[in-house]
């Protein structure tokens, strides 16, 4: 057995002693989106620091606990706070919780993030459903020895984000008169916000938004056969005429403003899974 599988099984065994393995849906909350947990009928919370082999979130705007509870009548497993490559974690550590969820029986993952826009039709506060991504600017989490128990050596990535879940989300948004965009997310390492030249490059290669998370999690989830839905909150505009100074505080504030709409969409989407 590989060291990774040994660690995963130890983590899963610990979690299973805390609550049942009956959650079919996993949710990972991004920057400024932690209030979503108020929608959940929480049955158990575990600090990341108490979970064997789990990293610990260090970023402002991220919580640091694994939550088990009920949302829209479904059992869910929620990460309040995620891990990022720029924090110094390896891609394997960043994606560790995805693999734990899989071994706990989760088959569908909902991801959220705060992102900067390079699409001139987007504005701060917009919600964008991710229908594809570009990962060339971040390290692939599947580099190195492939663990066959988790998935194949060469996973297909032609549908990284579930078309069926995207269709459901669009219908939910229409029913509530919530405008949603669809587009391509470009994953970068961070932690610097992009230069003006980098924003222009990201736009030129086909990106609509750019962020420092999600892509590695998606790859790991697809690798082990999970369905993925992901949504970005546009928290800043990368290509604009002014001096273009962006702060993390502004990002958190914008995410907070859009949170009620994202929470509604996630809540109803879980009900339809």
C-alpha atoms as a PDB file:
ATOM      1  CA  UNK A   1       0.000   0.000   0.000  1.00  0.00           C
ATOM      2  CA  UNK A   2       1.298   3.470  -0.891  1.00  0.00           C
ATOM      3  CA  UNK A   3       2.014   5.992   1.853  1.00  0.00           C
ATOM      4  CA  UNK A   4      -0.772   8.219   0.501  1.00  0.00           C
ATOM      5  CA  UNK A   5      -3.368   5.445   0.697  1.00  0.00           C
ATOM      6  CA  UNK A   6      -2.210   4.520   4.190  1.00  0.00           C
ATOM      7  CA  UNK A   7      -2.619   8.125   5.331  1.00  0.00           C
ATOM      8  CA  UNK A   8      -5.987   8.464   3.613  1.00  0.00           C
ATOM      9  CA  UNK A   9      -7.297   5.344   5.320  1.00  0.00           C
ATOM     10  CA  UNK A  10      -6.115   6.620   8.703  1.00  0.00           C
ATOM     11  CA  UNK A  11      -7.873   9.930   8.108  1.00  0.00           C
ATOM     12  CA  UNK A  12     -11.069   8.251   6.925  1.00  0.00           C
ATOM     13  CA  UNK A  13     -11.061   5.885   9.894  1.00  0.00           C
ATOM     14  CA  UNK A  14     -10.777   8.829  12.287  1.00  0.00           C
ATOM     15  CA  UNK A  15     -13.616  10.737  10.607  1.00  0.00           C
ATOM     16  CA  UNK A  16     -15.883   7.681  10.508  1.00  0.00           C
ATOM     17  CA  UNK A  17     -15.645   7.472  14.294  1.00  0.00           C
ATOM     18  CA  UNK A  18     -16.959  11.041  14.506  1.00  0.00           C
ATOM     19  CA  UNK A  19     -19.942  10.727  12.141  1.00  0.00           C
ATOM     20  CA  UNK A  20     -21.486   8.276   9.611  1.00  0.00           C
ATOM     21  CA  UNK A  21     -20.166   7.935   6.050  1.00  0.00           C
ATOM     22  CA  UNK A  22     -23.514   8.746   4.433  1.00  0.00           C
ATOM     23  CA  UNK A  23     -22.843  12.138   2.839  1.00  0.00           C
ATOM     24  CA  UNK A  24     -23.173  11.933  -0.954  1.00  0.00           C
ATOM     25  CA  UNK A  25     -22.303  15.580  -1.601  1.00  0.00           C
ATOM     26  CA  UNK A  26     -19.150  17.466  -0.646  1.00  0.00           C
ATOM     27  CA  UNK A  27     -18.843  21.263  -0.664  1.00  0.00           C
ATOM     28  CA  UNK A  28     -15.680  23.377  -0.539  1.00  0.00           C
ATOM     29  CA  UNK A  29     -16.132  27.046   0.332  1.00  0.00           C
ATOM     30  CA  UNK A  30     -13.839  29.726  -1.068  1.00  0.00           C
ATOM     31  CA  UNK A  31     -12.671  33.135   0.148  1.00  0.00           C
ATOM     32  CA  UNK A  32     -15.355  35.161   1.894  1.00  0.00           C
ATOM     33  CA  UNK A  33     -18.012  32.477   1.492  1.00  0.00           C
ATOM     34  CA  UNK A  34     -17.891  30.976   4.973  1.00  0.00           C
ATOM     35  CA  UNK A  35     -21.352  32.229   6.009  1.00  0.00           C
ATOM     36  CA  UNK A  36     -22.870  29.556   3.785  1.00  0.00           C
ATOM     37  CA  UNK A  37     -22.536  27.164   6.703  1.00  0.00           C
ATOM     38  CA  UNK A  38     -25.471  28.967   8.347  1.00  0.00           C
ATOM     39  CA  UNK A  39     -27.680  27.206   5.777  1.00  0.00           C
ATOM     40  CA  UNK A  40     -26.588  23.788   7.044  1.00  0.00           C
ATOM     41  CA  UNK A  41     -28.208  21.801   9.816  1.00  0.00           C
ATOM     42  CA  UNK A  42     -24.890  21.063  11.483  1.00  0.00           C
ATOM     43  CA  UNK A  43     -24.542  17.762  13.308  1.00  0.00           C
ATOM     44  CA  UNK A  44     -20.781  17.668  13.811  1.00  0.00           C
ATOM     45  CA  UNK A  45     -17.781  19.956  13.316  1.00  0.00           C
ATOM     46  CA  UNK A  46     -14.164  18.831  13.401  1.00  0.00           C
ATOM     47  CA  UNK A  47     -11.270  21.342  13.359  1.00  0.00           C
ATOM     48  CA  UNK A  48      -8.763  20.516  10.632  1.00  0.00           C
ATOM     49  CA  UNK A  49      -6.058  20.527  13.296  1.00  0.00           C
ATOM     50  CA  UNK A  50      -7.698  17.504  14.957  1.00  0.00           C
ATOM     51  CA  UNK A  51      -7.826  15.370  11.791  1.00  0.00           C
ATOM     52  CA  UNK A  52      -4.826  13.095  11.148  1.00  0.00           C
ATOM     53  CA  UNK A  53      -2.741  14.114   8.085  1.00  0.00           C
ATOM     54  CA  UNK A  54      -5.024  17.082   7.285  1.00  0.00           C
ATOM     55  CA  UNK A  55      -3.401  20.406   6.380  1.00  0.00           C
ATOM     56  CA  UNK A  56      -4.573  23.585   8.149  1.00  0.00           C
ATOM     57  CA  UNK A  57      -5.979  26.623   6.320  1.00  0.00           C
ATOM     58  CA  UNK A  58      -3.923  29.774   6.935  1.00  0.00           C
ATOM     59  CA  UNK A  59      -5.723  32.340   4.752  1.00  0.00           C
ATOM     60  CA  UNK A  60      -7.900  35.179   6.048  1.00  0.00           C
ATOM     61  CA  UNK A  61     -11.498  34.596   4.971  1.00  0.00           C
ATOM     62  CA  UNK A  62     -11.216  30.830   5.252  1.00  0.00           C
ATOM     63  CA  UNK A  63     -12.494  28.816   8.169  1.00  0.00           C
ATOM     64  CA  UNK A  64     -10.720  25.705   9.321  1.00  0.00           C
ATOM     65  CA  UNK A  65     -13.183  22.940   9.995  1.00  0.00           C
ATOM     66  CA  UNK A  66     -14.871  19.955   8.416  1.00  0.00           C
ATOM     67  CA  UNK A  67     -18.644  20.078   8.848  1.00  0.00           C
ATOM     68  CA  UNK A  68     -21.138  17.223   8.640  1.00  0.00           C
ATOM     69  CA  UNK A  69     -24.831  17.986   8.452  1.00  0.00           C
ATOM     70  CA  UNK A  70     -27.988  18.305   6.382  1.00  0.00           C
ATOM     71  CA  UNK A  71     -28.732  20.691   3.522  1.00  0.00           C
ATOM     72  CA  UNK A  72     -31.934  20.558   1.456  1.00  0.00           C
ATOM     73  CA  UNK A  73     -32.704  17.170   2.956  1.00  0.00           C
ATOM     74  CA  UNK A  74     -29.337  15.692   1.923  1.00  0.00           C
ATOM     75  CA  UNK A  75     -26.370  14.739   4.053  1.00  0.00           C
ATOM     76  CA  UNK A  76     -23.390  16.910   3.144  1.00  0.00           C
ATOM     77  CA  UNK A  77     -19.722  17.162   4.031  1.00  0.00           C
ATOM     78  CA  UNK A  78     -18.513  20.758   3.963  1.00  0.00           C
ATOM     79  CA  UNK A  79     -15.024  22.192   4.091  1.00  0.00           C
ATOM     80  CA  UNK A  80     -15.135  25.663   5.616  1.00  0.00           C
ATOM     81  CA  UNK A  81     -11.774  26.798   4.302  1.00  0.00           C
ATOM     82  CA  UNK A  82      -9.593  25.143   1.682  1.00  0.00           C
ATOM     83  CA  UNK A  83      -5.857  24.695   1.138  1.00  0.00           C
ATOM     84  CA  UNK A  84      -3.793  26.428  -1.523  1.00  0.00           C
ATOM     85  CA  UNK A  85      -0.529  25.706  -3.278  1.00  0.00           C
ATOM     86  CA  UNK A  86       0.670  29.239  -2.421  1.00  0.00           C
ATOM     87  CA  UNK A  87       0.442  28.461   1.293  1.00  0.00           C
ATOM     88  CA  UNK A  88       3.361  26.096   0.813  1.00  0.00           C
ATOM     89  CA  UNK A  89       1.329  22.927   0.512  1.00  0.00           C
ATOM     90  CA  UNK A  90       2.073  20.372  -2.171  1.00  0.00           C
ATOM     91  CA  UNK A  91      -0.611  19.577  -4.772  1.00  0.00           C
ATOM     92  CA  UNK A  92      -1.131  16.255  -2.979  1.00  0.00           C
ATOM     93  CA  UNK A  93      -1.875  18.111   0.264  1.00  0.00           C
ATOM     94  CA  UNK A  94      -4.148  20.595  -1.518  1.00  0.00           C
ATOM     95  CA  UNK A  95      -6.225  17.758  -2.953  1.00  0.00           C
ATOM     96  CA  UNK A  96      -6.057  15.491   0.095  1.00  0.00           C
ATOM     97  CA  UNK A  97      -9.583  16.411   1.308  1.00  0.00           C
ATOM     98  CA  UNK A  98     -11.085  15.585  -2.100  1.00  0.00           C
ATOM     99  CA  UNK A  99      -9.704  12.069  -1.858  1.00  0.00           C
ATOM    100  CA  UNK A 100     -10.873  11.750   1.730  1.00  0.00           C
ATOM    101  CA  UNK A 101     -14.375  12.719   0.605  1.00  0.00           C
ATOM    102  CA  UNK A 102     -14.276  10.085  -2.119  1.00  0.00           C
ATOM    103  CA  UNK A 103     -13.304   7.357   0.332  1.00  0.00           C
ATOM    104  CA  UNK A 104     -16.098   8.534   2.659  1.00  0.00           C
ATOM    105  CA  UNK A 105     -18.646   7.895  -0.105  1.00  0.00           C
ATOM    106  CA  UNK A 106     -19.054  11.374  -1.588  1.00  0.00           C
ATOM    107  CA  UNK A 107     -19.837  11.192  -5.322  1.00  0.00           C
ATOM    108  CA  UNK A 108     -20.481  14.860  -6.146  1.00  0.00           C
ATOM    109  CA  UNK A 109     -18.432  17.924  -5.199  1.00  0.00           C
ATOM    110  CA  UNK A 110     -19.504  21.571  -5.329  1.00  0.00           C
ATOM    111  CA  UNK A 111     -16.621  24.059  -5.414  1.00  0.00           C
ATOM    112  CA  UNK A 112     -16.768  27.815  -4.920  1.00  0.00           C
ATOM    113  CA  UNK A 113     -14.122  30.490  -5.256  1.00  0.00           C
ATOM    114  CA  UNK A 114     -13.418  34.192  -5.538  1.00  0.00           C
ATOM    115  CA  UNK A 115     -11.933  35.131  -8.905  1.00  0.00           C
ATOM    116  CA  UNK A 116     -10.690  38.087 -10.908  1.00  0.00           C
ATOM    117  CA  UNK A 117     -12.323  38.768 -14.258  1.00  0.00           C
ATOM    118  CA  UNK A 118     -10.667  39.423 -17.613  1.00  0.00           C
ATOM    119  CA  UNK A 119     -13.988  39.283 -19.478  1.00  0.00           C
ATOM    120  CA  UNK A 120     -15.097  42.849 -20.310  1.00  0.00           C
ATOM    121  CA  UNK A 121     -18.778  41.913 -19.935  1.00  0.00           C
ATOM    122  CA  UNK A 122     -18.356  40.855 -16.299  1.00  0.00           C
ATOM    123  CA  UNK A 123     -18.678  43.115 -13.276  1.00  0.00           C
ATOM    124  CA  UNK A 124     -17.834  42.772  -9.591  1.00  0.00           C
ATOM    125  CA  UNK A 125     -20.408  40.602  -7.831  1.00  0.00           C
ATOM    126  CA  UNK A 126     -21.273  38.495 -10.877  1.00  0.00           C
ATOM    127  CA  UNK A 127     -21.595  34.733 -10.495  1.00  0.00           C
ATOM    128  CA  UNK A 128     -19.915  32.560 -13.112  1.00  0.00           C
ATOM    129  CA  UNK A 129     -20.520  28.849 -13.555  1.00  0.00           C
ATOM    130  CA  UNK A 130     -17.229  27.243 -14.525  1.00  0.00           C
ATOM    131  CA  UNK A 131     -17.770  25.121 -17.631  1.00  0.00           C
ATOM    132  CA  UNK A 132     -14.074  24.493 -18.310  1.00  0.00           C
ATOM    133  CA  UNK A 133     -10.653  25.422 -17.018  1.00  0.00           C
ATOM    134  CA  UNK A 134      -7.062  25.976 -18.050  1.00  0.00           C
ATOM    135  CA  UNK A 135      -4.550  24.403 -15.692  1.00  0.00           C
ATOM    136  CA  UNK A 136      -1.245  24.998 -17.478  1.00  0.00           C
ATOM    137  CA  UNK A 137      -0.281  27.716 -14.980  1.00  0.00           C
ATOM    138  CA  UNK A 138      -0.543  25.457 -11.924  1.00  0.00           C
ATOM    139  CA  UNK A 139       1.060  22.140 -11.002  1.00  0.00           C
ATOM    140  CA  UNK A 140      -0.971  19.062 -11.843  1.00  0.00           C
ATOM    141  CA  UNK A 141      -1.786  17.131  -8.621  1.00  0.00           C
ATOM    142  CA  UNK A 142      -1.427  13.806 -10.440  1.00  0.00           C
ATOM    143  CA  UNK A 143       2.298  14.224 -11.111  1.00  0.00           C
ATOM    144  CA  UNK A 144       4.380  11.343  -9.805  1.00  0.00           C
ATOM    145  CA  UNK A 145       3.351   7.796  -8.951  1.00  0.00           C
ATOM    146  CA  UNK A 146      -0.279   7.063  -9.784  1.00  0.00           C
ATOM    147  CA  UNK A 147      -2.318   5.444  -7.023  1.00  0.00           C
ATOM    148  CA  UNK A 148      -4.475   2.952  -8.925  1.00  0.00           C
ATOM    149  CA  UNK A 149      -6.954   2.670  -6.040  1.00  0.00           C
ATOM    150  CA  UNK A 150      -7.861   6.327  -6.627  1.00  0.00           C
ATOM    151  CA  UNK A 151      -8.044   6.459 -10.409  1.00  0.00           C
ATOM    152  CA  UNK A 152      -6.368   5.865 -13.790  1.00  0.00           C
ATOM    153  CA  UNK A 153      -2.939   7.087 -14.848  1.00  0.00           C
ATOM    154  CA  UNK A 154      -4.376   9.210 -17.669  1.00  0.00           C
ATOM    155  CA  UNK A 155      -7.845  10.483 -16.705  1.00  0.00           C
ATOM    156  CA  UNK A 156     -10.003  12.012 -19.427  1.00  0.00           C
ATOM    157  CA  UNK A 157     -10.713  15.726 -18.898  1.00  0.00           C
ATOM    158  CA  UNK A 158     -13.163  16.453 -21.711  1.00  0.00           C
ATOM    159  CA  UNK A 159     -15.953  17.130 -19.186  1.00  0.00           C
ATOM    160  CA  UNK A 160     -14.248  18.378 -16.012  1.00  0.00           C
ATOM    161  CA  UNK A 161     -17.448  20.082 -14.853  1.00  0.00           C
ATOM    162  CA  UNK A 162     -20.698  18.119 -15.065  1.00  0.00           C
ATOM    163  CA  UNK A 163     -22.926  19.339 -17.888  1.00  0.00           C
ATOM    164  CA  UNK A 164     -25.948  17.864 -16.119  1.00  0.00           C
ATOM    165  CA  UNK A 165     -25.238  19.837 -12.938  1.00  0.00           C
ATOM    166  CA  UNK A 166     -24.589  23.010 -14.955  1.00  0.00           C
ATOM    167  CA  UNK A 167     -27.986  22.617 -16.630  1.00  0.00           C
ATOM    168  CA  UNK A 168     -29.677  22.171 -13.243  1.00  0.00           C
ATOM    169  CA  UNK A 169     -27.926  25.265 -11.853  1.00  0.00           C
ATOM    170  CA  UNK A 170     -28.976  27.383 -14.843  1.00  0.00           C
ATOM    171  CA  UNK A 171     -32.609  26.347 -14.380  1.00  0.00           C
ATOM    172  CA  UNK A 172     -32.440  27.169 -10.662  1.00  0.00           C
ATOM    173  CA  UNK A 173     -30.939  30.582 -11.411  1.00  0.00           C
ATOM    174  CA  UNK A 174     -33.678  31.347 -13.966  1.00  0.00           C
ATOM    175  CA  UNK A 175     -36.385  30.343 -11.493  1.00  0.00           C
ATOM    176  CA  UNK A 176     -35.041  32.902  -9.002  1.00  0.00           C
ATOM    177  CA  UNK A 177     -34.173  35.608 -11.556  1.00  0.00           C
ATOM    178  CA  UNK A 178     -30.491  35.328 -10.701  1.00  0.00           C
ATOM    179  CA  UNK A 179     -28.145  36.229 -13.542  1.00  0.00           C
ATOM    180  CA  UNK A 180     -25.297  33.769 -13.970  1.00  0.00           C
ATOM    181  CA  UNK A 181     -22.459  33.734 -16.465  1.00  0.00           C
ATOM    182  CA  UNK A 182     -20.691  30.695 -17.875  1.00  0.00           C
ATOM    183  CA  UNK A 183     -17.015  30.660 -18.643  1.00  0.00           C
ATOM    184  CA  UNK A 184     -13.476  29.381 -18.367  1.00  0.00           C
ATOM    185  CA  UNK A 185     -11.512  29.541 -15.117  1.00  0.00           C
ATOM    186  CA  UNK A 186      -7.742  29.882 -15.333  1.00  0.00           C
ATOM    187  CA  UNK A 187      -5.874  28.463 -12.354  1.00  0.00           C
ATOM    188  CA  UNK A 188      -2.625  30.145 -11.249  1.00  0.00           C
ATOM    189  CA  UNK A 189      -0.362  29.592  -8.277  1.00  0.00           C
ATOM    190  CA  UNK A 190      -0.640  32.988  -6.572  1.00  0.00           C
ATOM    191  CA  UNK A 191      -0.220  34.507  -4.074  1.00  0.00           C
ATOM    192  CA  UNK A 192       0.420  37.653  -6.117  1.00  0.00           C
ATOM    193  CA  UNK A 193      -2.455  39.156  -8.014  1.00  0.00           C
ATOM    194  CA  UNK A 194      -1.638  39.223 -11.702  1.00  0.00           C
ATOM    195  CA  UNK A 195       0.257  41.938 -13.558  1.00  0.00           C
ATOM    196  CA  UNK A 196      -1.543  43.808 -16.326  1.00  0.00           C
ATOM    197  CA  UNK A 197       0.427  41.812 -18.907  1.00  0.00           C
ATOM    198  CA  UNK A 198      -0.564  38.542 -17.214  1.00  0.00           C
ATOM    199  CA  UNK A 199      -4.230  39.542 -17.240  1.00  0.00           C
ATOM    200  CA  UNK A 200      -3.959  40.237 -20.974  1.00  0.00           C
ATOM    201  CA  UNK A 201      -2.324  36.833 -21.511  1.00  0.00           C
ATOM    202  CA  UNK A 202      -5.063  35.049 -19.559  1.00  0.00           C
ATOM    203  CA  UNK A 203      -7.701  36.773 -21.679  1.00  0.00           C
ATOM    204  CA  UNK A 204      -5.802  35.947 -24.883  1.00  0.00           C
ATOM    205  CA  UNK A 205      -5.654  32.208 -24.117  1.00  0.00           C
ATOM    206  CA  UNK A 206      -9.417  32.042 -23.602  1.00  0.00           C
ATOM    207  CA  UNK A 207      -9.913  32.651 -19.895  1.00  0.00           C
ATOM    208  CA  UNK A 208     -12.858  34.558 -18.427  1.00  0.00           C
ATOM    209  CA  UNK A 209     -11.729  34.596 -14.803  1.00  0.00           C
ATOM    210  CA  UNK A 210      -8.538  33.770 -12.944  1.00  0.00           C
ATOM    211  CA  UNK A 211      -7.982  32.378  -9.451  1.00  0.00           C
ATOM    212  CA  UNK A 212      -5.603  30.551  -7.136  1.00  0.00           C
ATOM    213  CA  UNK A 213      -7.635  27.428  -6.335  1.00  0.00           C
ATOM    214  CA  UNK A 214     -10.210  24.925  -7.673  1.00  0.00           C
ATOM    215  CA  UNK A 215      -8.276  23.496 -10.646  1.00  0.00           C
ATOM    216  CA  UNK A 216      -6.181  21.043  -8.625  1.00  0.00           C
ATOM    217  CA  UNK A 217      -9.243  19.990  -6.617  1.00  0.00           C
ATOM    218  CA  UNK A 218     -11.194  19.426  -9.824  1.00  0.00           C
ATOM    219  CA  UNK A 219      -8.466  17.283 -11.378  1.00  0.00           C
ATOM    220  CA  UNK A 220      -8.251  15.086  -8.277  1.00  0.00           C
ATOM    221  CA  UNK A 221     -12.039  14.718  -8.166  1.00  0.00           C
ATOM    222  CA  UNK A 222     -12.320  13.775 -11.847  1.00  0.00           C
ATOM    223  CA  UNK A 223      -9.406  11.361 -11.398  1.00  0.00           C
ATOM    224  CA  UNK A 224     -11.353   9.417  -8.791  1.00  0.00           C
ATOM    225  CA  UNK A 225     -14.650   9.459 -10.675  1.00  0.00           C
ATOM    226  CA  UNK A 226     -16.549  12.243  -8.936  1.00  0.00           C
ATOM    227  CA  UNK A 227     -18.959  14.720 -10.529  1.00  0.00           C
ATOM    228  CA  UNK A 228     -17.962  18.367 -10.094  1.00  0.00           C
ATOM    229  CA  UNK A 229     -19.849  21.648 -10.175  1.00  0.00           C
ATOM    230  CA  UNK A 230     -17.989  24.904  -9.590  1.00  0.00           C
ATOM    231  CA  UNK A 231     -18.902  28.565  -9.365  1.00  0.00           C
ATOM    232  CA  UNK A 232     -16.802  31.723  -9.182  1.00  0.00           C
ATOM    233  CA  UNK A 233     -17.776  34.992  -7.568  1.00  0.00           C
ATOM    234  CA  UNK A 234     -16.230  37.840  -9.561  1.00  0.00           C
ATOM    235  CA  UNK A 235     -14.536  39.916  -6.891  1.00  0.00           C
ATOM    236  CA  UNK A 236     -12.293  42.171  -8.976  1.00  0.00           C
ATOM    237  CA  UNK A 237     -11.736  43.255 -12.551  1.00  0.00           C
ATOM    238  CA  UNK A 238      -8.288  42.538 -13.911  1.00  0.00           C
ATOM    239  CA  UNK A 239      -8.396  44.548 -17.116  1.00  0.00           C
ATOM    240  CA  UNK A 240      -9.493  48.142 -16.569  1.00  0.00           C
ATOM    241  CA  UNK A 241      -8.322  51.656 -17.244  1.00  0.00           C
ATOM    242  CA  UNK A 242      -7.315  52.835 -13.779  1.00  0.00           C
ATOM    243  CA  UNK A 243      -4.263  51.900 -11.722  1.00  0.00           C
ATOM    244  CA  UNK A 244      -5.763  48.466 -11.053  1.00  0.00           C
ATOM    245  CA  UNK A 245      -4.729  48.069  -7.419  1.00  0.00           C
ATOM    246  CA  UNK A 246      -6.396  45.005  -5.885  1.00  0.00           C
ATOM    247  CA  UNK A 247      -6.427  44.041  -2.198  1.00  0.00           C
ATOM    248  CA  UNK A 248      -7.503  40.838  -0.479  1.00  0.00           C
ATOM    249  CA  UNK A 249      -9.870  42.887   1.699  1.00  0.00           C
ATOM    250  CA  UNK A 250     -11.723  44.080  -1.421  1.00  0.00           C
ATOM    251  CA  UNK A 251     -11.970  40.497  -2.629  1.00  0.00           C
ATOM    252  CA  UNK A 252     -13.511  39.347   0.662  1.00  0.00           C
ATOM    253  CA  UNK A 253     -16.001  42.237   0.660  1.00  0.00           C
ATOM    254  CA  UNK A 254     -17.159  41.494  -2.884  1.00  0.00           C
ATOM    255  CA  UNK A 255     -17.521  37.799  -2.124  1.00  0.00           C
ATOM    256  CA  UNK A 256     -19.598  38.603   0.948  1.00  0.00           C
ATOM    257  CA  UNK A 257     -21.978  40.695  -1.145  1.00  0.00           C
ATOM    258  CA  UNK A 258     -22.593  37.907  -3.648  1.00  0.00           C
ATOM    259  CA  UNK A 259     -22.817  35.164  -1.043  1.00  0.00           C
ATOM    260  CA  UNK A 260     -26.634  35.090  -0.611  1.00  0.00           C
ATOM    261  CA  UNK A 261     -27.157  34.326  -4.323  1.00  0.00           C
ATOM    262  CA  UNK A 262     -24.449  31.671  -4.393  1.00  0.00           C
ATOM    263  CA  UNK A 263     -25.828  30.109  -1.201  1.00  0.00           C
ATOM    264  CA  UNK A 264     -29.307  29.888  -2.708  1.00  0.00           C
ATOM    265  CA  UNK A 265     -28.007  28.235  -5.871  1.00  0.00           C
ATOM    266  CA  UNK A 266     -25.875  25.731  -3.964  1.00  0.00           C
ATOM    267  CA  UNK A 267     -28.672  24.935  -1.544  1.00  0.00           C
ATOM    268  CA  UNK A 268     -31.205  24.187  -4.265  1.00  0.00           C
ATOM    269  CA  UNK A 269     -28.660  22.341  -6.414  1.00  0.00           C
ATOM    270  CA  UNK A 270     -27.884  19.994  -3.529  1.00  0.00           C
ATOM    271  CA  UNK A 271     -31.624  19.314  -3.273  1.00  0.00           C
ATOM    272  CA  UNK A 272     -31.653  18.133  -6.908  1.00  0.00           C
ATOM    273  CA  UNK A 273     -28.607  15.879  -6.702  1.00  0.00           C
END
